[in-house]
Structure formats: structure tokens, C-alpha cells
N, C-alpha and C. Protein backbone atom coordinates (compact mmCIF):
# COMPACT_ATOMS: atom_id res chain seq x y z
N UNK A 1 -11.50 0.67 -7.43
CA UNK A 1 -10.28 1.20 -7.53
C UNK A 1 -9.24 0.13 -7.09
N UNK A 2 -8.12 0.11 -7.77
CA UNK A 2 -7.00 -0.82 -7.46
C UNK A 2 -6.10 -0.15 -6.42
N UNK A 3 -5.89 -0.85 -5.28
CA UNK A 3 -5.23 -0.32 -4.16
C UNK A 3 -4.09 -1.20 -3.69
N UNK A 4 -2.93 -0.66 -3.57
CA UNK A 4 -1.75 -1.39 -3.03
C UNK A 4 -1.48 -0.92 -1.63
N UNK A 5 -1.49 -1.80 -0.63
CA UNK A 5 -1.29 -1.42 0.73
C UNK A 5 0.20 -1.79 1.06
N UNK A 6 0.95 -0.75 1.37
CA UNK A 6 2.41 -0.92 1.63
C UNK A 6 2.58 -0.87 3.17
N UNK A 7 3.50 -1.76 3.74
CA UNK A 7 3.72 -1.65 5.12
C UNK A 7 4.90 -2.61 5.40
N UNK A 8 5.35 -2.53 6.64
CA UNK A 8 6.42 -3.47 7.03
C UNK A 8 5.86 -4.85 7.14
N UNK A 9 6.69 -5.85 6.71
CA UNK A 9 6.39 -7.24 6.80
C UNK A 9 6.02 -7.70 8.20
N UNK A 10 6.63 -7.03 9.14
CA UNK A 10 6.34 -7.35 10.56
C UNK A 10 4.84 -6.98 10.92
N UNK A 11 4.23 -6.11 10.15
CA UNK A 11 2.90 -5.71 10.42
C UNK A 11 1.89 -6.45 9.51
N UNK A 12 2.38 -7.43 8.83
CA UNK A 12 1.57 -8.18 7.82
C UNK A 12 0.23 -8.66 8.52
N UNK A 13 0.23 -9.33 9.64
CA UNK A 13 -0.93 -9.82 10.30
C UNK A 13 -1.88 -8.71 10.69
N UNK A 14 -1.32 -7.59 11.13
CA UNK A 14 -2.13 -6.38 11.58
C UNK A 14 -2.80 -5.77 10.37
N UNK A 15 -2.13 -5.80 9.18
CA UNK A 15 -2.70 -5.11 8.02
C UNK A 15 -3.77 -5.98 7.24
N UNK A 16 -3.76 -7.26 7.53
CA UNK A 16 -4.73 -8.08 6.77
C UNK A 16 -6.15 -7.64 7.00
N UNK A 17 -6.60 -7.40 8.30
CA UNK A 17 -7.91 -6.90 8.52
C UNK A 17 -8.24 -5.65 7.89
N UNK A 18 -7.20 -4.66 7.82
CA UNK A 18 -7.39 -3.39 7.22
C UNK A 18 -7.59 -3.54 5.73
N UNK A 19 -6.81 -4.44 5.08
CA UNK A 19 -7.01 -4.74 3.64
C UNK A 19 -8.39 -5.22 3.36
N UNK A 20 -8.84 -6.12 4.30
CA UNK A 20 -10.20 -6.70 4.15
C UNK A 20 -11.23 -5.57 4.16
N UNK A 21 -11.13 -4.60 5.14
CA UNK A 21 -12.05 -3.51 5.20
C UNK A 21 -12.07 -2.73 3.84
N UNK A 22 -10.95 -2.51 3.32
CA UNK A 22 -10.84 -1.76 2.01
C UNK A 22 -11.51 -2.62 0.93
N UNK A 23 -11.19 -3.88 0.86
CA UNK A 23 -11.72 -4.84 -0.16
C UNK A 23 -13.28 -4.91 -0.03
N UNK A 24 -13.77 -4.93 1.19
CA UNK A 24 -15.24 -5.00 1.49
C UNK A 24 -15.93 -3.77 0.91
N UNK A 25 -15.24 -2.73 0.62
CA UNK A 25 -15.88 -1.55 -0.03
C UNK A 25 -15.92 -1.68 -1.53
N UNK A 26 -15.36 -2.78 -2.08
CA UNK A 26 -15.45 -2.98 -3.47
C UNK A 26 -14.15 -2.73 -4.22
N UNK A 27 -13.09 -2.47 -3.49
CA UNK A 27 -11.81 -2.15 -4.15
C UNK A 27 -10.99 -3.45 -4.33
N UNK A 28 -10.11 -3.53 -5.33
CA UNK A 28 -9.20 -4.52 -5.56
C UNK A 28 -7.91 -4.24 -4.83
N UNK A 29 -7.44 -5.27 -4.08
CA UNK A 29 -6.15 -5.10 -3.33
C UNK A 29 -5.11 -5.72 -4.28
N UNK A 30 -4.22 -4.97 -4.81
CA UNK A 30 -3.20 -5.52 -5.73
C UNK A 30 -2.04 -6.19 -5.07
N UNK A 31 -1.77 -5.82 -3.82
CA UNK A 31 -0.61 -6.38 -3.10
C UNK A 31 -0.84 -7.70 -2.50
N UNK A 32 -0.17 -8.74 -3.00
CA UNK A 32 -0.39 -10.07 -2.44
C UNK A 32 0.55 -10.41 -1.39
N UNK A 33 1.43 -9.52 -0.98
CA UNK A 33 2.38 -9.74 0.08
C UNK A 33 1.71 -9.96 1.46
N UNK A 34 0.49 -9.42 1.57
CA UNK A 34 -0.29 -9.67 2.81
C UNK A 34 -0.62 -11.08 3.02
N UNK A 35 -0.64 -11.92 2.01
CA UNK A 35 -1.08 -13.41 2.13
C UNK A 35 0.21 -14.28 2.05
N UNK A 36 1.37 -13.76 1.78
CA UNK A 36 2.56 -14.59 1.72
C UNK A 36 2.88 -15.23 3.05
N UNK A 37 3.24 -16.53 2.96
CA UNK A 37 3.48 -17.18 4.26
C UNK A 37 4.84 -17.87 4.30
N UNK A 38 5.33 -18.41 3.16
CA UNK A 38 6.63 -19.16 3.18
C UNK A 38 7.31 -19.10 1.86
N UNK A 39 8.55 -19.29 1.93
CA UNK A 39 9.45 -19.44 0.70
C UNK A 39 9.12 -20.82 0.13
N UNK A 40 9.03 -20.98 -1.22
CA UNK A 40 8.81 -22.27 -1.75
C UNK A 40 10.01 -23.20 -1.51
N UNK A 41 9.76 -24.47 -1.36
CA UNK A 41 10.79 -25.46 -1.07
C UNK A 41 11.74 -25.46 -2.28
N UNK A 42 13.01 -25.62 -1.94
CA UNK A 42 14.03 -25.69 -3.04
C UNK A 42 14.49 -24.36 -3.62
N UNK A 43 13.91 -23.26 -3.18
CA UNK A 43 14.41 -21.95 -3.65
C UNK A 43 15.28 -21.32 -2.67
N UNK A 44 16.42 -20.84 -3.10
CA UNK A 44 17.34 -20.18 -2.20
C UNK A 44 16.77 -18.75 -1.84
N UNK A 45 17.31 -18.25 -0.61
CA UNK A 45 16.79 -16.97 -0.04
C UNK A 45 16.98 -15.84 -1.03
N UNK A 46 18.08 -15.75 -1.64
CA UNK A 46 18.39 -14.54 -2.57
C UNK A 46 17.39 -14.56 -3.75
N UNK A 47 17.19 -15.67 -4.32
CA UNK A 47 16.28 -15.81 -5.53
C UNK A 47 14.85 -15.45 -5.04
N UNK A 48 14.47 -15.95 -3.82
CA UNK A 48 13.15 -15.68 -3.36
C UNK A 48 12.91 -14.23 -3.09
N UNK A 49 13.91 -13.57 -2.51
CA UNK A 49 13.76 -12.10 -2.22
C UNK A 49 13.70 -11.33 -3.53
N UNK A 50 14.50 -11.64 -4.53
CA UNK A 50 14.46 -10.98 -5.85
C UNK A 50 13.05 -11.14 -6.49
N UNK A 51 12.54 -12.34 -6.42
CA UNK A 51 11.27 -12.59 -7.03
C UNK A 51 10.16 -11.82 -6.29
N UNK A 52 10.27 -11.76 -4.93
CA UNK A 52 9.30 -10.98 -4.20
C UNK A 52 9.32 -9.50 -4.48
N UNK A 53 10.53 -8.94 -4.66
CA UNK A 53 10.69 -7.50 -4.95
C UNK A 53 10.17 -7.22 -6.30
N UNK A 54 10.38 -8.01 -7.30
CA UNK A 54 9.89 -7.82 -8.69
C UNK A 54 8.30 -7.90 -8.62
N UNK A 55 7.80 -8.96 -7.97
CA UNK A 55 6.34 -9.05 -7.91
C UNK A 55 5.75 -7.83 -7.21
N UNK A 56 6.30 -7.41 -6.12
CA UNK A 56 5.72 -6.29 -5.35
C UNK A 56 5.66 -4.99 -6.22
N UNK A 57 6.83 -4.75 -6.93
CA UNK A 57 6.85 -3.55 -7.79
C UNK A 57 5.85 -3.66 -8.97
N UNK A 58 5.61 -4.84 -9.46
CA UNK A 58 4.59 -5.01 -10.54
C UNK A 58 3.29 -4.71 -9.99
N UNK A 59 2.98 -5.12 -8.76
CA UNK A 59 1.70 -4.96 -8.13
C UNK A 59 1.43 -3.47 -7.73
N UNK A 60 2.55 -2.77 -7.38
CA UNK A 60 2.49 -1.29 -7.14
C UNK A 60 2.09 -0.65 -8.47
N UNK A 61 2.77 -1.09 -9.55
CA UNK A 61 2.49 -0.57 -10.92
C UNK A 61 1.02 -0.72 -11.35
N UNK A 62 0.39 -1.75 -10.90
CA UNK A 62 -1.03 -1.95 -11.35
C UNK A 62 -1.95 -1.10 -10.55
N UNK A 63 -1.54 -0.56 -9.46
CA UNK A 63 -2.47 0.10 -8.50
C UNK A 63 -2.79 1.60 -8.90
N UNK A 64 -3.97 2.06 -8.59
CA UNK A 64 -4.31 3.50 -8.76
C UNK A 64 -3.97 4.30 -7.56
N UNK A 65 -3.91 3.60 -6.43
CA UNK A 65 -3.67 4.21 -5.14
C UNK A 65 -2.77 3.37 -4.31
N UNK A 66 -1.79 4.04 -3.70
CA UNK A 66 -0.85 3.41 -2.74
C UNK A 66 -1.22 3.92 -1.38
N UNK A 67 -1.49 3.06 -0.45
CA UNK A 67 -1.69 3.46 0.96
C UNK A 67 -0.49 2.90 1.75
N UNK A 68 0.36 3.83 2.30
CA UNK A 68 1.55 3.45 3.09
C UNK A 68 1.12 3.48 4.56
N UNK A 69 1.15 2.33 5.19
CA UNK A 69 0.99 2.26 6.70
C UNK A 69 2.42 2.49 7.25
N UNK A 70 2.52 3.59 7.97
CA UNK A 70 3.88 4.00 8.49
C UNK A 70 4.04 3.79 9.96
N UNK A 71 3.40 2.73 10.52
CA UNK A 71 3.57 2.46 11.96
C UNK A 71 4.97 1.99 12.35
N UNK A 72 5.64 1.32 11.40
CA UNK A 72 7.00 0.88 11.60
C UNK A 72 7.83 1.75 10.62
N UNK A 73 9.04 2.10 11.08
CA UNK A 73 9.92 2.90 10.22
C UNK A 73 10.90 2.14 9.44
N UNK A 74 10.75 0.78 9.39
CA UNK A 74 11.66 -0.01 8.67
C UNK A 74 10.91 -0.68 7.45
N UNK A 75 11.62 -1.25 6.57
CA UNK A 75 10.97 -2.07 5.58
C UNK A 75 11.07 -1.58 4.15
N UNK A 76 10.76 -2.51 3.21
CA UNK A 76 10.79 -2.24 1.77
C UNK A 76 9.59 -1.35 1.34
N UNK A 77 8.71 -1.03 2.28
CA UNK A 77 7.61 -0.18 1.86
C UNK A 77 8.02 1.14 1.32
N UNK A 78 9.26 1.62 1.76
CA UNK A 78 9.70 2.95 1.27
C UNK A 78 10.20 2.81 -0.14
N UNK A 79 10.71 1.61 -0.58
CA UNK A 79 11.08 1.40 -1.99
C UNK A 79 9.82 1.44 -2.80
N UNK A 80 8.72 0.80 -2.30
CA UNK A 80 7.46 0.84 -3.05
C UNK A 80 6.85 2.23 -3.14
N UNK A 81 6.99 2.94 -2.03
CA UNK A 81 6.55 4.40 -2.02
C UNK A 81 7.39 5.16 -3.12
N UNK A 82 8.72 4.98 -3.09
CA UNK A 82 9.48 5.67 -4.10
C UNK A 82 9.10 5.31 -5.52
N UNK A 83 8.94 4.02 -5.76
CA UNK A 83 8.55 3.56 -7.05
C UNK A 83 7.25 4.20 -7.49
N UNK A 84 6.24 4.25 -6.58
CA UNK A 84 5.01 4.91 -6.88
C UNK A 84 5.13 6.40 -7.15
N UNK A 85 6.08 7.03 -6.40
CA UNK A 85 6.26 8.48 -6.65
C UNK A 85 6.72 8.74 -8.10
N UNK A 86 7.46 7.78 -8.67
CA UNK A 86 7.85 7.91 -10.03
C UNK A 86 6.70 7.92 -11.06
N UNK A 87 5.55 7.45 -10.63
CA UNK A 87 4.34 7.39 -11.46
C UNK A 87 3.24 8.38 -10.87
N UNK A 88 3.73 9.46 -10.29
CA UNK A 88 2.86 10.39 -9.55
C UNK A 88 1.68 10.84 -10.38
N UNK A 89 1.80 10.95 -11.68
CA UNK A 89 0.70 11.45 -12.59
C UNK A 89 -0.40 10.42 -12.72
N UNK A 90 -0.10 9.14 -12.32
CA UNK A 90 -1.03 8.12 -12.62
C UNK A 90 -1.58 7.43 -11.27
N UNK A 91 -1.07 7.90 -10.15
CA UNK A 91 -1.37 7.30 -8.90
C UNK A 91 -1.61 8.33 -7.82
N UNK A 92 -2.44 8.00 -6.81
CA UNK A 92 -2.52 8.82 -5.56
C UNK A 92 -1.67 8.02 -4.55
N UNK A 93 -1.09 8.81 -3.63
CA UNK A 93 -0.29 8.19 -2.59
C UNK A 93 -0.82 8.77 -1.27
N UNK A 94 -1.20 7.84 -0.43
CA UNK A 94 -1.78 8.22 0.88
C UNK A 94 -0.83 7.66 1.95
N UNK A 95 -0.73 8.39 3.05
CA UNK A 95 0.11 7.99 4.17
C UNK A 95 -0.69 7.87 5.41
N UNK A 96 -0.61 6.74 6.15
CA UNK A 96 -1.18 6.64 7.41
C UNK A 96 -0.18 6.71 8.49
N UNK A 97 -0.24 7.62 9.42
CA UNK A 97 0.79 7.81 10.43
C UNK A 97 1.61 9.05 10.09
N UNK A 98 2.63 9.27 10.87
CA UNK A 98 3.44 10.42 10.73
C UNK A 98 4.53 10.16 9.67
N UNK A 99 4.85 11.20 8.92
CA UNK A 99 5.97 11.04 7.98
C UNK A 99 7.32 10.74 8.71
N UNK A 100 8.09 9.80 8.17
CA UNK A 100 9.36 9.46 8.77
C UNK A 100 10.48 9.72 7.86
N UNK A 101 10.25 10.27 6.72
CA UNK A 101 11.33 10.76 5.81
C UNK A 101 10.68 11.83 4.88
N UNK A 102 11.62 12.57 4.30
CA UNK A 102 11.19 13.74 3.48
C UNK A 102 10.26 13.33 2.34
N UNK A 103 10.36 12.19 1.77
CA UNK A 103 9.45 11.77 0.67
C UNK A 103 8.07 11.49 1.06
N UNK A 104 7.87 11.23 2.38
CA UNK A 104 6.40 10.97 2.84
C UNK A 104 5.68 12.26 2.80
N UNK A 105 6.29 13.42 2.77
CA UNK A 105 5.62 14.71 2.69
C UNK A 105 5.01 14.90 1.34
N UNK A 106 5.33 14.09 0.40
CA UNK A 106 4.80 14.19 -0.95
C UNK A 106 3.39 13.44 -1.03
N UNK A 107 2.95 12.97 0.05
CA UNK A 107 1.61 12.28 0.07
C UNK A 107 0.49 13.14 -0.39
N UNK A 108 -0.42 12.57 -1.18
CA UNK A 108 -1.61 13.36 -1.59
C UNK A 108 -2.58 13.54 -0.40
N UNK A 109 -2.63 12.53 0.44
CA UNK A 109 -3.49 12.60 1.65
C UNK A 109 -2.72 11.97 2.82
N UNK A 110 -3.01 12.50 3.99
CA UNK A 110 -2.43 11.91 5.24
C UNK A 110 -3.50 11.60 6.19
N UNK A 111 -3.44 10.50 6.84
CA UNK A 111 -4.38 10.10 7.81
C UNK A 111 -3.74 9.64 9.06
N UNK A 112 -4.45 9.93 10.24
CA UNK A 112 -3.87 9.57 11.52
C UNK A 112 -3.95 8.04 11.67
N UNK A 113 -5.00 7.42 11.17
CA UNK A 113 -5.14 5.99 11.39
C UNK A 113 -6.04 5.38 10.26
N UNK A 114 -6.15 4.04 10.34
CA UNK A 114 -6.93 3.32 9.34
C UNK A 114 -8.38 3.65 9.33
N UNK A 115 -8.99 3.89 10.50
CA UNK A 115 -10.40 4.32 10.55
C UNK A 115 -10.65 5.54 9.72
N UNK A 116 -9.77 6.51 9.82
CA UNK A 116 -9.97 7.76 9.06
C UNK A 116 -9.83 7.49 7.60
N UNK A 117 -8.82 6.69 7.17
CA UNK A 117 -8.57 6.37 5.79
C UNK A 117 -9.74 5.59 5.19
N UNK A 118 -10.26 4.59 5.85
CA UNK A 118 -11.34 3.76 5.32
C UNK A 118 -12.59 4.62 5.24
N UNK A 119 -12.83 5.49 6.21
CA UNK A 119 -13.97 6.37 6.14
C UNK A 119 -13.81 7.36 4.91
N UNK A 120 -12.67 7.84 4.58
CA UNK A 120 -12.49 8.73 3.45
C UNK A 120 -12.68 7.91 2.14
N UNK A 121 -12.27 6.66 2.09
CA UNK A 121 -12.52 5.87 0.93
C UNK A 121 -13.99 5.72 0.74
N UNK A 122 -14.77 5.45 1.79
CA UNK A 122 -16.20 5.34 1.65
C UNK A 122 -16.83 6.65 1.18
N UNK A 123 -16.33 7.79 1.61
CA UNK A 123 -16.87 9.03 1.12
C UNK A 123 -16.62 9.29 -0.34
N UNK A 124 -15.46 8.80 -0.79
CA UNK A 124 -15.16 8.83 -2.28
C UNK A 124 -16.17 7.98 -3.00
N UNK A 125 -16.43 6.77 -2.46
CA UNK A 125 -17.34 5.86 -3.14
C UNK A 125 -18.70 6.52 -3.25
N UNK A 126 -19.13 7.24 -2.20
CA UNK A 126 -20.48 7.90 -2.22
C UNK A 126 -20.43 9.14 -3.09
N UNK A 127 -19.32 9.54 -3.58
CA UNK A 127 -19.20 10.83 -4.34
C UNK A 127 -19.15 12.08 -3.51
N UNK A 128 -18.99 11.88 -2.22
CA UNK A 128 -18.90 13.08 -1.36
C UNK A 128 -17.51 13.72 -1.24
N UNK A 129 -16.57 12.99 -1.72
CA UNK A 129 -15.13 13.56 -1.78
C UNK A 129 -14.70 13.45 -3.26
N UNK A 130 -13.87 14.34 -3.62
CA UNK A 130 -13.33 14.34 -4.99
C UNK A 130 -12.06 13.38 -4.97
N UNK A 131 -11.91 12.57 -5.89
CA UNK A 131 -10.82 11.61 -5.96
C UNK A 131 -10.08 11.84 -7.28
N UNK A 132 -8.91 12.24 -7.15
CA UNK A 132 -8.07 12.56 -8.30
C UNK A 132 -7.70 11.31 -9.15
N UNK A 133 -7.84 10.12 -8.60
CA UNK A 133 -7.52 8.90 -9.31
C UNK A 133 -8.51 8.56 -10.39
N UNK A 134 -9.79 8.74 -10.09
CA UNK A 134 -10.84 8.33 -11.06
C UNK A 134 -10.78 9.05 -12.34
């Protein structure tokens, strides 16, 4: 399954191991923002931010499943969530943590933490849970 992990950039380092756990189950991680480290030399900030936003939305578009880590209540992750909601017939949207706005209540699945989410993904892979994305 192609999975985009959305979260606040301030949680980038904390989400890398979670993305690895998902990847280790055989899933493709479409979001490359978890590996971004620096703006290219010679590129102004506004251009860099525009390019990042376009890239992120394209990667959301490629995904079958969006997992939103909601430990921080700030960030562009909510724009990614909204973009994915527009494609609700083609994507599953999962939320980790408590909803912090009305649109989070549209999640297909909610999880208290990453352990619960990764376990659920493993159950889907074993065929023990029904997955609407497949």
C-alpha cells in the first residue's frame, strides 16, 4: 500500500522511525518530507516553500492511505489532510491522537498511538482486518 505520513515538521525526527516501521511491513512511504534536511543553495525561501508544498501535495495524491500524526496542533499537515479529504473515495484517512479540528472527525480510523496503528496495518496485511483501500 502507498502511505503518506503527515505530521508537523517539528516532529520530523520522531516520525522517521515510525515511517520505517510502516515501510518494514512492505508499504511504500510516498512522503519524502521526512528526509528533507536543507534548502538548496541559491534558492530563495519563498520559492523553496512553494516547491515543497507542490511536492507534498503530489505525494499525498499518490497515496492510498494518509496517516496524520496529530501530536502537534500546528503545521501544514492539516492542508495535506484537507487535500486528501477531497479524494475521499480513493483514499483512507487515519488519525493518530485526538482530533484538534472538526475535519479530523472525518477520519476512517483513529488510533491512540503509533503502536496501535502499526499493529492494525499488520492485521490488514494478514487479512484479519478489512481494508477499504485495497
